[in-house]
Amino acid sequence: EGVFAAGDVADPIYRQAITSAGSGAMAALDAERYLSEQGIEDESEKFNDDLVAELLDGLGEVEGVNVYADDVDLTYANAKSGEL
């Protein structure tokens, strides 16, 4: 009674795995912050935009379809996704 344990003594299977994962996450956040401060941006969003544009160009013109339309009613699609 009154004894509390944590870390290696409390978990002989995983031991330092959680601590290591936490340290890795901190390092990734610090690296991202450093790169942002150096003016190096995340290029994944631009890559995704370019890829979508390339794919849409390959489809040609489809009359009456605008995948970027702001007034698209997604009520039905959202309702159906809730049924999954």
PDB file of N, CA and C in Angstrom:
ATOM      1  N   GLU A   1       0.843  -1.176   0.000  1.00  0.00           N
ATOM      2  CA  GLU A   1       0.000   0.000   0.000  1.00  0.00           C
ATOM      3  C   GLU A   1       0.892   1.244   0.000  1.00  0.00           C
ATOM      4  N   GLY A   2       0.517   2.225  -0.815  1.00  0.00           N
ATOM      5  CA  GLY A   2       1.278   3.455  -0.874  1.00  0.00           C
ATOM      6  C   GLY A   2       2.511   3.382  -1.748  1.00  0.00           C
ATOM      7  N   VAL A   3       2.651   2.308  -2.527  1.00  0.00           N
ATOM      8  CA  VAL A   3       3.810   2.172  -3.415  1.00  0.00           C
ATOM      9  C   VAL A   3       3.339   2.361  -4.848  1.00  0.00           C
ATOM     10  N   PHE A   4       4.001   3.239  -5.559  1.00  0.00           N
ATOM     11  CA  PHE A   4       3.662   3.499  -6.945  1.00  0.00           C
ATOM     12  C   PHE A   4       4.881   3.229  -7.803  1.00  0.00           C
ATOM     13  N   ALA A   5       4.663   2.673  -8.969  1.00  0.00           N
ATOM     14  CA  ALA A   5       5.775   2.366  -9.860  1.00  0.00           C
ATOM     15  C   ALA A   5       5.481   2.886 -11.255  1.00  0.00           C
ATOM     16  N   ALA A   6       6.550   3.225 -11.957  1.00  0.00           N
ATOM     17  CA  ALA A   6       6.417   3.688 -13.332  1.00  0.00           C
ATOM     18  C   ALA A   6       7.691   3.322 -14.077  1.00  0.00           C
ATOM     19  N   GLY A   7       7.594   3.351 -15.398  1.00  0.00           N
ATOM     20  CA  GLY A   7       8.783   3.086 -16.213  1.00  0.00           C
ATOM     21  C   GLY A   7       9.136   1.613 -16.284  1.00  0.00           C
ATOM     22  N   ASP A   8      10.434   1.334 -16.311  1.00  0.00           N
ATOM     23  CA  ASP A   8      10.923  -0.039 -16.495  1.00  0.00           C
ATOM     24  C   ASP A   8      10.429  -1.009 -15.426  1.00  0.00           C
ATOM     25  N   VAL A   9      10.363  -0.564 -14.182  1.00  0.00           N
ATOM     26  CA  VAL A   9       9.975  -1.477 -13.105  1.00  0.00           C
ATOM     27  C   VAL A   9       8.510  -1.861 -13.184  1.00  0.00           C
ATOM     28  N   ALA A  10       7.692  -1.042 -13.815  1.00  0.00           N
ATOM     29  CA  ALA A  10       6.264  -1.316 -13.899  1.00  0.00           C
ATOM     30  C   ALA A  10       5.891  -2.071 -15.165  1.00  0.00           C
ATOM     31  N   ASP A  11       6.767  -2.067 -16.152  1.00  0.00           N
ATOM     32  CA  ASP A  11       6.433  -2.673 -17.436  1.00  0.00           C
ATOM     33  C   ASP A  11       7.644  -3.393 -18.019  1.00  0.00           C
ATOM     34  N   PRO A  12       7.755  -4.686 -17.774  1.00  0.00           N
ATOM     35  CA  PRO A  12       8.925  -5.428 -18.256  1.00  0.00           C
ATOM     36  C   PRO A  12       8.881  -5.716 -19.763  1.00  0.00           C
ATOM     37  N   ILE A  13       7.715  -5.517 -20.386  1.00  0.00           N
ATOM     38  CA  ILE A  13       7.599  -5.839 -21.813  1.00  0.00           C
ATOM     39  C   ILE A  13       7.995  -4.652 -22.681  1.00  0.00           C
ATOM     40  N   TYR A  14       7.368  -3.507 -22.466  1.00  0.00           N
ATOM     41  CA  TYR A  14       7.585  -2.361 -23.350  1.00  0.00           C
ATOM     42  C   TYR A  14       8.737  -1.471 -22.895  1.00  0.00           C
ATOM     43  N   ARG A  15       9.021  -1.445 -21.629  1.00  0.00           N
ATOM     44  CA  ARG A  15      10.114  -0.679 -21.032  1.00  0.00           C
ATOM     45  C   ARG A  15      10.218   0.738 -21.563  1.00  0.00           C
ATOM     46  N   GLN A  16      11.233   1.021 -22.336  1.00  0.00           N
ATOM     47  CA  GLN A  16      11.477   2.393 -22.763  1.00  0.00           C
ATOM     48  C   GLN A  16      10.820   2.746 -24.092  1.00  0.00           C
ATOM     49  N   ALA A  17       9.993   1.873 -24.622  1.00  0.00           N
ATOM     50  CA  ALA A  17       9.394   2.129 -25.935  1.00  0.00           C
ATOM     51  C   ALA A  17       8.576   3.415 -25.945  1.00  0.00           C
ATOM     52  N   ILE A  18       7.780   3.636 -24.921  1.00  0.00           N
ATOM     53  CA  ILE A  18       6.931   4.822 -24.873  1.00  0.00           C
ATOM     54  C   ILE A  18       7.788   6.078 -24.716  1.00  0.00           C
ATOM     55  N   THR A  19       8.793   6.010 -23.858  1.00  0.00           N
ATOM     56  CA  THR A  19       9.690   7.154 -23.686  1.00  0.00           C
ATOM     57  C   THR A  19      10.403   7.472 -24.999  1.00  0.00           C
ATOM     58  N   SER A  20      10.852   6.438 -25.688  1.00  0.00           N
ATOM     59  CA  SER A  20      11.539   6.644 -26.966  1.00  0.00           C
ATOM     60  C   SER A  20      10.604   7.245 -28.007  1.00  0.00           C
ATOM     61  N   ALA A  21       9.379   6.755 -28.038  1.00  0.00           N
ATOM     62  CA  ALA A  21       8.408   7.290 -28.991  1.00  0.00           C
ATOM     63  C   ALA A  21       8.121   8.754 -28.681  1.00  0.00           C
ATOM     64  N   GLY A  22       7.999   9.088 -27.412  1.00  0.00           N
ATOM     65  CA  GLY A  22       7.765  10.475 -27.018  1.00  0.00           C
ATOM     66  C   GLY A  22       8.939  11.366 -27.398  1.00  0.00           C
ATOM     67  N   SER A  23      10.154  10.882 -27.189  1.00  0.00           N
ATOM     68  CA  SER A  23      11.348  11.653 -27.558  1.00  0.00           C
ATOM     69  C   SER A  23      11.415  11.847 -29.069  1.00  0.00           C
ATOM     70  N   GLY A  24      11.053  10.830 -29.814  1.00  0.00           N
ATOM     71  CA  GLY A  24      11.037  10.942 -31.269  1.00  0.00           C
ATOM     72  C   GLY A  24      10.025  11.973 -31.738  1.00  0.00           C
ATOM     73  N   ALA A  25       8.862  11.991 -31.100  1.00  0.00           N
ATOM     74  CA  ALA A  25       7.836  12.973 -31.460  1.00  0.00           C
ATOM     75  C   ALA A  25       8.317  14.387 -31.140  1.00  0.00           C
ATOM     76  N   MET A  26       8.973  14.555 -29.996  1.00  0.00           N
ATOM     77  CA  MET A  26       9.502  15.884 -29.649  1.00  0.00           C
ATOM     78  C   MET A  26      10.557  16.325 -30.652  1.00  0.00           C
ATOM     79  N   ALA A  27      11.432  15.408 -31.053  1.00  0.00           N
ATOM     80  CA  ALA A  27      12.471  15.742 -32.033  1.00  0.00           C
ATOM     81  C   ALA A  27      11.851  16.152 -33.364  1.00  0.00           C
ATOM     82  N   ALA A  28      10.808  15.443 -33.780  1.00  0.00           N
ATOM     83  CA  ALA A  28      10.142  15.780 -35.038  1.00  0.00           C
ATOM     84  C   ALA A  28       9.521  17.164 -34.967  1.00  0.00           C
ATOM     85  N   LEU A  29       8.882  17.496 -33.850  1.00  0.00           N
ATOM     86  CA  LEU A  29       8.282  18.822 -33.685  1.00  0.00           C
ATOM     87  C   LEU A  29       9.349  19.912 -33.676  1.00  0.00           C
ATOM     88  N   ASP A  30      10.459  19.655 -32.986  1.00  0.00           N
ATOM     89  CA  ASP A  30      11.555  20.627 -32.964  1.00  0.00           C
ATOM     90  C   ASP A  30      12.155  20.822 -34.354  1.00  0.00           C
ATOM     91  N   ALA A  31      12.322  19.740 -35.101  1.00  0.00           N
ATOM     92  CA  ALA A  31      12.869  19.831 -36.463  1.00  0.00           C
ATOM     93  C   ALA A  31      11.925  20.626 -37.361  1.00  0.00           C
ATOM     94  N   GLU A  32      10.627  20.373 -37.224  1.00  0.00           N
ATOM     95  CA  GLU A  32       9.651  21.104 -38.032  1.00  0.00           C
ATOM     96  C   GLU A  32       9.694  22.599 -37.697  1.00  0.00           C
ATOM     97  N   ARG A  33       9.772  22.915 -36.420  1.00  0.00           N
ATOM     98  CA  ARG A  33       9.843  24.316 -35.994  1.00  0.00           C
ATOM     99  C   ARG A  33      11.108  24.977 -36.549  1.00  0.00           C
ATOM    100  N   TYR A  34      12.239  24.285 -36.462  1.00  0.00           N
ATOM    101  CA  TYR A  34      13.502  24.821 -36.974  1.00  0.00           C
ATOM    102  C   TYR A  34      13.412  25.096 -38.477  1.00  0.00           C
ATOM    103  N   LEU A  35      12.891  24.123 -39.221  1.00  0.00           N
ATOM    104  CA  LEU A  35      12.780  24.298 -40.677  1.00  0.00           C
ATOM    105  C   LEU A  35      11.863  25.462 -41.022  1.00  0.00           C
ATOM    106  N   SER A  36      10.783  25.622 -40.274  1.00  0.00           N
ATOM    107  CA  SER A  36       9.868  26.739 -40.511  1.00  0.00           C
ATOM    108  C   SER A  36      10.569  28.065 -40.251  1.00  0.00           C
ATOM    109  N   GLU A  37      11.355  28.123 -39.180  1.00  0.00           N
ATOM    110  CA  GLU A  37      12.083  29.349 -38.852  1.00  0.00           C
ATOM    111  C   GLU A  37      13.131  29.675 -39.910  1.00  0.00           C
ATOM    112  N   GLN A  38      13.657  28.656 -40.587  1.00  0.00           N
ATOM    113  CA  GLN A  38      14.667  28.858 -41.618  1.00  0.00           C
ATOM    114  C   GLN A  38      14.043  29.184 -42.973  1.00  0.00           C
ATOM    115  N   GLY A  39      12.715  29.211 -43.027  1.00  0.00           N
ATOM    116  CA  GLY A  39      12.036  29.541 -44.269  1.00  0.00           C
ATOM    117  C   GLY A  39      11.853  28.350 -45.186  1.00  0.00           C
ATOM    118  N   ILE A  40      12.088  27.163 -44.672  1.00  0.00           N
ATOM    119  CA  ILE A  40      11.902  25.945 -45.467  1.00  0.00           C
ATOM    120  C   ILE A  40      10.488  25.457 -45.189  1.00  0.00           C
ATOM    121  N   GLU A  41       9.644  25.476 -46.219  1.00  0.00           N
ATOM    122  CA  GLU A  41       8.235  25.161 -46.037  1.00  0.00           C
ATOM    123  C   GLU A  41       7.927  23.701 -46.335  1.00  0.00           C
ATOM    124  N   ASP A  42       6.776  23.296 -45.876  1.00  0.00           N
ATOM    125  CA  ASP A  42       6.272  21.960 -46.182  1.00  0.00           C
ATOM    126  C   ASP A  42       5.781  21.964 -47.621  1.00  0.00           C
ATOM    127  N   GLU A  43       6.392  21.153 -48.452  1.00  0.00           N
ATOM    128  CA  GLU A  43       6.055  21.134 -49.867  1.00  0.00           C
ATOM    129  C   GLU A  43       4.968  20.125 -50.208  1.00  0.00           C
ATOM    130  N   SER A  44       4.474  19.391 -49.221  1.00  0.00           N
ATOM    131  CA  SER A  44       3.489  18.353 -49.509  1.00  0.00           C
ATOM    132  C   SER A  44       2.172  18.933 -50.020  1.00  0.00           C
ATOM    133  N   GLU A  45       1.751  20.088 -49.491  1.00  0.00           N
ATOM    134  CA  GLU A  45       0.491  20.682 -49.949  1.00  0.00           C
ATOM    135  C   GLU A  45       0.594  21.113 -51.412  1.00  0.00           C
ATOM    136  N   LYS A  46       1.715  21.739 -51.778  1.00  0.00           N
ATOM    137  CA  LYS A  46       1.910  22.141 -53.170  1.00  0.00           C
ATOM    138  C   LYS A  46       1.973  20.911 -54.070  1.00  0.00           C
ATOM    139  N   PHE A  47       2.651  19.863 -53.600  1.00  0.00           N
ATOM    140  CA  PHE A  47       2.731  18.622 -54.370  1.00  0.00           C
ATOM    141  C   PHE A  47       1.339  18.047 -54.597  1.00  0.00           C
ATOM    142  N   ASN A  48       0.521  18.003 -53.547  1.00  0.00           N
ATOM    143  CA  ASN A  48      -0.842  17.480 -53.672  1.00  0.00           C
ATOM    144  C   ASN A  48      -1.677  18.310 -54.644  1.00  0.00           C
ATOM    145  N   ASP A  49      -1.554  19.636 -54.558  1.00  0.00           N
ATOM    146  CA  ASP A  49      -2.293  20.510 -55.481  1.00  0.00           C
ATOM    147  C   ASP A  49      -1.878  20.260 -56.926  1.00  0.00           C
ATOM    148  N   ASP A  50      -0.569  20.144 -57.153  1.00  0.00           N
ATOM    149  CA  ASP A  50      -0.066  19.890 -58.507  1.00  0.00           C
ATOM    150  C   ASP A  50      -0.540  18.533 -59.024  1.00  0.00           C
ATOM    151  N   LEU A  51      -0.553  17.528 -58.148  1.00  0.00           N
ATOM    152  CA  LEU A  51      -0.992  16.192 -58.544  1.00  0.00           C
ATOM    153  C   LEU A  51      -2.470  16.187 -58.920  1.00  0.00           C
ATOM    154  N   VAL A  52      -3.300  16.837 -58.110  1.00  0.00           N
ATOM    155  CA  VAL A  52      -4.735  16.898 -58.402  1.00  0.00           C
ATOM    156  C   VAL A  52      -4.967  17.639 -59.715  1.00  0.00           C
ATOM    157  N   ALA A  53      -4.249  18.742 -59.911  1.00  0.00           N
ATOM    158  CA  ALA A  53      -4.394  19.500 -61.162  1.00  0.00           C
ATOM    159  C   ALA A  53      -4.007  18.645 -62.366  1.00  0.00           C
ATOM    160  N   GLU A  54      -2.944  17.881 -62.225  1.00  0.00           N
ATOM    161  CA  GLU A  54      -2.502  17.008 -63.324  1.00  0.00           C
ATOM    162  C   GLU A  54      -3.544  15.921 -63.608  1.00  0.00           C
ATOM    163  N   LEU A  55      -4.099  15.340 -62.561  1.00  0.00           N
ATOM    164  CA  LEU A  55      -5.116  14.304 -62.747  1.00  0.00           C
ATOM    165  C   LEU A  55      -6.379  14.876 -63.391  1.00  0.00           C
ATOM    166  N   LEU A  56      -6.778  16.063 -62.957  1.00  0.00           N
ATOM    167  CA  LEU A  56      -7.969  16.678 -63.531  1.00  0.00           C
ATOM    168  C   LEU A  56      -7.752  17.070 -64.982  1.00  0.00           C
ATOM    169  N   ASP A  57      -6.543  17.514 -65.317  1.00  0.00           N
ATOM    170  CA  ASP A  57      -6.230  17.835 -66.711  1.00  0.00           C
ATOM    171  C   ASP A  57      -6.354  16.597 -67.586  1.00  0.00           C
ATOM    172  N   GLY A  58      -6.001  15.454 -67.042  1.00  0.00           N
ATOM    173  CA  GLY A  58      -6.088  14.200 -67.781  1.00  0.00           C
ATOM    174  C   GLY A  58      -7.516  13.769 -68.056  1.00  0.00           C
ATOM    175  N   LEU A  59      -8.456  14.266 -67.247  1.00  0.00           N
ATOM    176  CA  LEU A  59      -9.857  13.906 -67.443  1.00  0.00           C
ATOM    177  C   LEU A  59     -10.503  14.694 -68.577  1.00  0.00           C
ATOM    178  N   GLY A  60      -9.935  15.847 -68.893  1.00  0.00           N
ATOM    179  CA  GLY A  60     -10.554  16.695 -69.905  1.00  0.00           C
ATOM    180  C   GLY A  60     -11.716  17.459 -69.310  1.00  0.00           C
ATOM    181  N   GLU A  61     -12.435  18.135 -70.129  1.00  0.00           N
ATOM    182  CA  GLU A  61     -13.581  18.922 -69.676  1.00  0.00           C
ATOM    183  C   GLU A  61     -14.789  18.030 -69.474  1.00  0.00           C
ATOM    184  N   VAL A  62     -15.365  18.133 -68.312  1.00  0.00           N
ATOM    185  CA  VAL A  62     -16.609  17.432 -68.013  1.00  0.00           C
ATOM    186  C   VAL A  62     -17.641  18.506 -67.737  1.00  0.00           C
ATOM    187  N   GLU A  63     -18.605  18.623 -68.606  1.00  0.00           N
ATOM    188  CA  GLU A  63     -19.588  19.690 -68.496  1.00  0.00           C
ATOM    189  C   GLU A  63     -20.477  19.486 -67.279  1.00  0.00           C
ATOM    190  N   GLY A  64     -20.680  20.569 -66.553  1.00  0.00           N
ATOM    191  CA  GLY A  64     -21.590  20.536 -65.413  1.00  0.00           C
ATOM    192  C   GLY A  64     -20.967  20.041 -64.131  1.00  0.00           C
ATOM    193  N   VAL A  65     -19.675  19.723 -64.121  1.00  0.00           N
ATOM    194  CA  VAL A  65     -19.032  19.236 -62.906  1.00  0.00           C
ATOM    195  C   VAL A  65     -17.935  20.205 -62.512  1.00  0.00           C
ATOM    196  N   ASN A  66     -18.021  20.673 -61.294  1.00  0.00           N
ATOM    197  CA  ASN A  66     -16.980  21.541 -60.759  1.00  0.00           C
ATOM    198  C   ASN A  66     -16.588  21.001 -59.395  1.00  0.00           C
ATOM    199  N   VAL A  67     -15.458  20.312 -59.324  1.00  0.00           N
ATOM    200  CA  VAL A  67     -15.044  19.684 -58.067  1.00  0.00           C
ATOM    201  C   VAL A  67     -14.656  20.701 -57.014  1.00  0.00           C
ATOM    202  N   TYR A  68     -14.442  21.952 -57.425  1.00  0.00           N
ATOM    203  CA  TYR A  68     -14.070  22.989 -56.480  1.00  0.00           C
ATOM    204  C   TYR A  68     -15.236  23.905 -56.125  1.00  0.00           C
ATOM    205  N   ALA A  69     -16.448  23.578 -56.545  1.00  0.00           N
ATOM    206  CA  ALA A  69     -17.604  24.430 -56.301  1.00  0.00           C
ATOM    207  C   ALA A  69     -17.864  24.574 -54.809  1.00  0.00           C
ATOM    208  N   ASP A  70     -18.139  25.804 -54.390  1.00  0.00           N
ATOM    209  CA  ASP A  70     -18.419  26.067 -52.984  1.00  0.00           C
ATOM    210  C   ASP A  70     -19.843  25.705 -52.598  1.00  0.00           C
ATOM    211  N   ASP A  71     -20.731  25.665 -53.557  1.00  0.00           N
ATOM    212  CA  ASP A  71     -22.133  25.460 -53.244  1.00  0.00           C
ATOM    213  C   ASP A  71     -22.584  24.009 -53.422  1.00  0.00           C
ATOM    214  N   VAL A  72     -21.663  23.066 -53.346  1.00  0.00           N
ATOM    215  CA  VAL A  72     -22.011  21.656 -53.493  1.00  0.00           C
ATOM    216  C   VAL A  72     -22.703  21.188 -52.216  1.00  0.00           C
ATOM    217  N   ASP A  73     -23.857  20.580 -52.360  1.00  0.00           N
ATOM    218  CA  ASP A  73     -24.615  20.078 -51.217  1.00  0.00           C
ATOM    219  C   ASP A  73     -24.133  18.669 -50.880  1.00  0.00           C
ATOM    220  N   LEU A  74     -23.477  18.530 -49.742  1.00  0.00           N
ATOM    221  CA  LEU A  74     -22.937  17.234 -49.320  1.00  0.00           C
ATOM    222  C   LEU A  74     -23.795  16.585 -48.233  1.00  0.00           C
ATOM    223  N   THR A  75     -25.007  17.062 -48.053  1.00  0.00           N
ATOM    224  CA  THR A  75     -25.884  16.545 -47.005  1.00  0.00           C
ATOM    225  C   THR A  75     -26.070  15.041 -47.134  1.00  0.00           C
ATOM    226  N   TYR A  76     -26.393  14.579 -48.342  1.00  0.00           N
ATOM    227  CA  TYR A  76     -26.623  13.159 -48.573  1.00  0.00           C
ATOM    228  C   TYR A  76     -25.361  12.349 -48.312  1.00  0.00           C
ATOM    229  N   ALA A  77     -24.228  12.813 -48.830  1.00  0.00           N
ATOM    230  CA  ALA A  77     -22.969  12.088 -48.653  1.00  0.00           C
ATOM    231  C   ALA A  77     -22.596  12.021 -47.176  1.00  0.00           C
ATOM    232  N   ASN A  78     -22.770  13.127 -46.461  1.00  0.00           N
ATOM    233  CA  ASN A  78     -22.441  13.147 -45.031  1.00  0.00           C
ATOM    234  C   ASN A  78     -23.364  12.219 -44.256  1.00  0.00           C
ATOM    235  N   ALA A  79     -24.632  12.195 -44.629  1.00  0.00           N
ATOM    236  CA  ALA A  79     -25.596  11.310 -43.944  1.00  0.00           C
ATOM    237  C   ALA A  79     -25.224   9.854 -44.199  1.00  0.00           C
ATOM    238  N   LYS A  80     -24.835   9.511 -45.427  1.00  0.00           N
ATOM    239  CA  LYS A  80     -24.475   8.137 -45.761  1.00  0.00           C
ATOM    240  C   LYS A  80     -23.193   7.727 -45.021  1.00  0.00           C
ATOM    241  N   SER A  81     -22.254   8.646 -44.876  1.00  0.00           N
ATOM    242  CA  SER A  81     -20.999   8.297 -44.193  1.00  0.00           C
ATOM    243  C   SER A  81     -21.241   7.998 -42.730  1.00  0.00           C
ATOM    244  N   GLY A  82     -22.267   8.598 -42.148  1.00  0.00           N
ATOM    245  CA  GLY A  82     -22.601   8.326 -40.763  1.00  0.00           C
ATOM    246  C   GLY A  82     -23.179   6.946 -40.547  1.00  0.00           C
ATOM    247  N   GLU A  83     -23.635   6.308 -41.624  1.00  0.00           N
ATOM    248  CA  GLU A  83     -24.229   4.969 -41.521  1.00  0.00           C
ATOM    249  C   GLU A  83     -23.185   3.865 -41.500  1.00  0.00           C
ATOM    250  N   LEU A  84     -21.934   4.195 -41.849  1.00  0.00           N
ATOM    251  CA  LEU A  84     -20.897   3.171 -41.947  1.00  0.00           C
ATOM    252  C   LEU A  84     -20.566   2.532 -40.644  1.00  0.00           C
TER     253      LEU A  84
END
